[in-house]
Amino acid sequence: MAEQIIKAIHGDCRADQVFWTQNGVLVHNIYELIHAVEHMDEFTFRYHVNEDNNKNDFADWIRDVFADEELAMKLEGLNDKKKYLEILKQWVE
């Protein structure tokens, strides 16, 4: 489990598991996800994370690619971009 968390934070995912955001940014690891979320507009964030469709693409990606159930669960249900970033940043510290 610890090895998977270290991989998620410091290592890149496989090329076929890269996350493509709605605005075309490619994300390979948690650091890049933080950077992408920080710089994405509200429309793009809402495209990936929204209550209307019960959608949280980033949490799903973290769970599926890095097998990090704990972080994915912390992000589920969060729709506030600022709080989302706080959780991600705390995770890598």
C-alpha atoms as a PDB file:
ATOM      1  CA  MET A   1       0.000   0.000   0.000  1.00  0.00           C
ATOM      2  CA  ALA A   2       2.731   2.493   0.928  1.00  0.00           C
ATOM      3  CA  GLU A   3       4.498   1.716  -2.353  1.00  0.00           C
ATOM      4  CA  GLN A   4       1.336   2.605  -4.301  1.00  0.00           C
ATOM      5  CA  ILE A   5       0.975   5.898  -2.439  1.00  0.00           C
ATOM      6  CA  ILE A   6       4.612   6.791  -3.127  1.00  0.00           C
ATOM      7  CA  LYS A   7       4.095   5.933  -6.802  1.00  0.00           C
ATOM      8  CA  ALA A   8       0.971   8.100  -6.948  1.00  0.00           C
ATOM      9  CA  ILE A   9       2.747  11.079  -5.450  1.00  0.00           C
ATOM     10  CA  HIS A  10       6.171  10.813  -7.031  1.00  0.00           C
ATOM     11  CA  GLY A  11       5.810   8.529 -10.021  1.00  0.00           C
ATOM     12  CA  ASP A  12       4.041   8.809 -13.309  1.00  0.00           C
ATOM     13  CA  CYS A  13       1.287   6.496 -14.381  1.00  0.00           C
ATOM     14  CA  ARG A  14       1.617   4.358 -17.490  1.00  0.00           C
ATOM     15  CA  ALA A  15       1.171   6.127 -20.810  1.00  0.00           C
ATOM     16  CA  ASP A  16      -2.210   4.474 -21.386  1.00  0.00           C
ATOM     17  CA  GLN A  17      -3.471   5.733 -17.995  1.00  0.00           C
ATOM     18  CA  VAL A  18      -2.709   9.437 -18.422  1.00  0.00           C
ATOM     19  CA  PHE A  19      -5.608  11.688 -17.455  1.00  0.00           C
ATOM     20  CA  TRP A  20      -6.700  14.054 -20.220  1.00  0.00           C
ATOM     21  CA  THR A  21      -8.575  17.014 -18.829  1.00  0.00           C
ATOM     22  CA  GLN A  22     -11.422  18.593 -20.737  1.00  0.00           C
ATOM     23  CA  ASN A  23      -9.169  21.533 -21.650  1.00  0.00           C
ATOM     24  CA  GLY A  24      -6.444  19.261 -23.062  1.00  0.00           C
ATOM     25  CA  VAL A  25      -3.976  19.167 -20.150  1.00  0.00           C
ATOM     26  CA  LEU A  26      -2.301  15.793 -19.580  1.00  0.00           C
ATOM     27  CA  VAL A  27      -1.835  14.594 -16.001  1.00  0.00           C
ATOM     28  CA  HIS A  28       0.637  11.825 -15.118  1.00  0.00           C
ATOM     29  CA  ASN A  29       0.771  12.010 -11.293  1.00  0.00           C
ATOM     30  CA  ILE A  30      -0.628  13.778  -8.226  1.00  0.00           C
ATOM     31  CA  TYR A  31       1.745  16.750  -8.492  1.00  0.00           C
ATOM     32  CA  GLU A  32       0.580  17.388 -12.039  1.00  0.00           C
ATOM     33  CA  LEU A  33      -3.027  16.985 -10.935  1.00  0.00           C
ATOM     34  CA  ILE A  34      -2.552  19.672  -8.290  1.00  0.00           C
ATOM     35  CA  HIS A  35      -1.001  22.001 -10.860  1.00  0.00           C
ATOM     36  CA  ALA A  36      -3.760  21.273 -13.374  1.00  0.00           C
ATOM     37  CA  VAL A  37      -6.577  21.896 -10.886  1.00  0.00           C
ATOM     38  CA  GLU A  38      -4.922  25.097  -9.642  1.00  0.00           C
ATOM     39  CA  HIS A  39      -4.815  26.500 -13.161  1.00  0.00           C
ATOM     40  CA  MET A  40      -8.039  25.185 -14.650  1.00  0.00           C
ATOM     41  CA  ASP A  41     -11.067  27.382 -15.021  1.00  0.00           C
ATOM     42  CA  GLU A  42     -14.276  26.660 -13.153  1.00  0.00           C
ATOM     43  CA  PHE A  43     -15.967  25.225 -16.253  1.00  0.00           C
ATOM     44  CA  THR A  44     -13.266  22.582 -16.660  1.00  0.00           C
ATOM     45  CA  PHE A  45     -13.272  21.714 -12.957  1.00  0.00           C
ATOM     46  CA  ARG A  46     -17.079  21.359 -13.034  1.00  0.00           C
ATOM     47  CA  TYR A  47     -16.822  19.177 -16.132  1.00  0.00           C
ATOM     48  CA  HIS A  48     -14.796  16.659 -14.126  1.00  0.00           C
ATOM     49  CA  VAL A  49     -16.263  17.188 -10.648  1.00  0.00           C
ATOM     50  CA  ASN A  50     -19.963  17.857 -10.237  1.00  0.00           C
ATOM     51  CA  GLU A  51     -22.954  16.874  -8.145  1.00  0.00           C
ATOM     52  CA  ASP A  52     -25.425  16.949 -11.020  1.00  0.00           C
ATOM     53  CA  ASN A  53     -23.999  13.806 -12.582  1.00  0.00           C
ATOM     54  CA  ASN A  54     -22.516  12.441  -9.359  1.00  0.00           C
ATOM     55  CA  LYS A  55     -19.182  12.728 -11.131  1.00  0.00           C
ATOM     56  CA  ASN A  56     -15.664  12.928  -9.738  1.00  0.00           C
ATOM     57  CA  ASP A  57     -13.274  11.967 -12.515  1.00  0.00           C
ATOM     58  CA  PHE A  58     -10.143  12.822 -10.530  1.00  0.00           C
ATOM     59  CA  ALA A  59     -11.094  10.631  -7.573  1.00  0.00           C
ATOM     60  CA  ASP A  60     -11.966   7.799  -9.970  1.00  0.00           C
ATOM     61  CA  TRP A  61      -8.606   8.189 -11.737  1.00  0.00           C
ATOM     62  CA  ILE A  62      -6.700   8.138  -8.444  1.00  0.00           C
ATOM     63  CA  ARG A  63      -8.576   5.010  -7.355  1.00  0.00           C
ATOM     64  CA  ASP A  64      -8.273   3.175 -10.682  1.00  0.00           C
ATOM     65  CA  VAL A  65      -4.726   4.105 -11.678  1.00  0.00           C
ATOM     66  CA  PHE A  66      -2.913   4.406  -8.348  1.00  0.00           C
ATOM     67  CA  ALA A  67      -5.161   2.141  -6.248  1.00  0.00           C
ATOM     68  CA  ASP A  68      -5.307   4.878  -3.623  1.00  0.00           C
ATOM     69  CA  GLU A  69      -8.717   4.288  -2.109  1.00  0.00           C
ATOM     70  CA  GLU A  70      -8.074   6.536   0.893  1.00  0.00           C
ATOM     71  CA  LEU A  71      -7.327   9.669  -1.129  1.00  0.00           C
ATOM     72  CA  ALA A  72     -10.142   8.931  -3.575  1.00  0.00           C
ATOM     73  CA  MET A  73     -12.604   8.664  -0.685  1.00  0.00           C
ATOM     74  CA  LYS A  74     -11.420  11.995   0.756  1.00  0.00           C
ATOM     75  CA  LEU A  75     -12.087  13.661  -2.600  1.00  0.00           C
ATOM     76  CA  GLU A  76     -15.472  12.061  -3.243  1.00  0.00           C
ATOM     77  CA  GLY A  77     -18.336  14.362  -2.491  1.00  0.00           C
ATOM     78  CA  LEU A  78     -16.139  17.465  -2.660  1.00  0.00           C
ATOM     79  CA  ASN A  79     -17.311  19.986  -5.217  1.00  0.00           C
ATOM     80  CA  ASP A  80     -15.399  23.009  -3.971  1.00  0.00           C
ATOM     81  CA  LYS A  81     -12.203  23.537  -5.968  1.00  0.00           C
ATOM     82  CA  LYS A  82     -10.390  25.216  -3.071  1.00  0.00           C
ATOM     83  CA  LYS A  83     -11.155  22.367  -0.654  1.00  0.00           C
ATOM     84  CA  TYR A  84     -10.255  19.848  -3.348  1.00  0.00           C
ATOM     85  CA  LEU A  85      -6.824  21.432  -3.690  1.00  0.00           C
ATOM     86  CA  GLU A  86      -6.357  21.531   0.088  1.00  0.00           C
ATOM     87  CA  ILE A  87      -6.898  17.763   0.311  1.00  0.00           C
ATOM     88  CA  LEU A  88      -4.529  17.068  -2.588  1.00  0.00           C
ATOM     89  CA  LYS A  89      -1.816  19.317  -1.171  1.00  0.00           C
ATOM     90  CA  GLN A  90      -2.115  17.820   2.315  1.00  0.00           C
ATOM     91  CA  TRP A  91      -1.775  14.371   0.787  1.00  0.00           C
ATOM     92  CA  VAL A  92       1.592  15.103  -0.794  1.00  0.00           C
ATOM     93  CA  GLU A  93       3.062  16.776   2.305  1.00  0.00           C
END
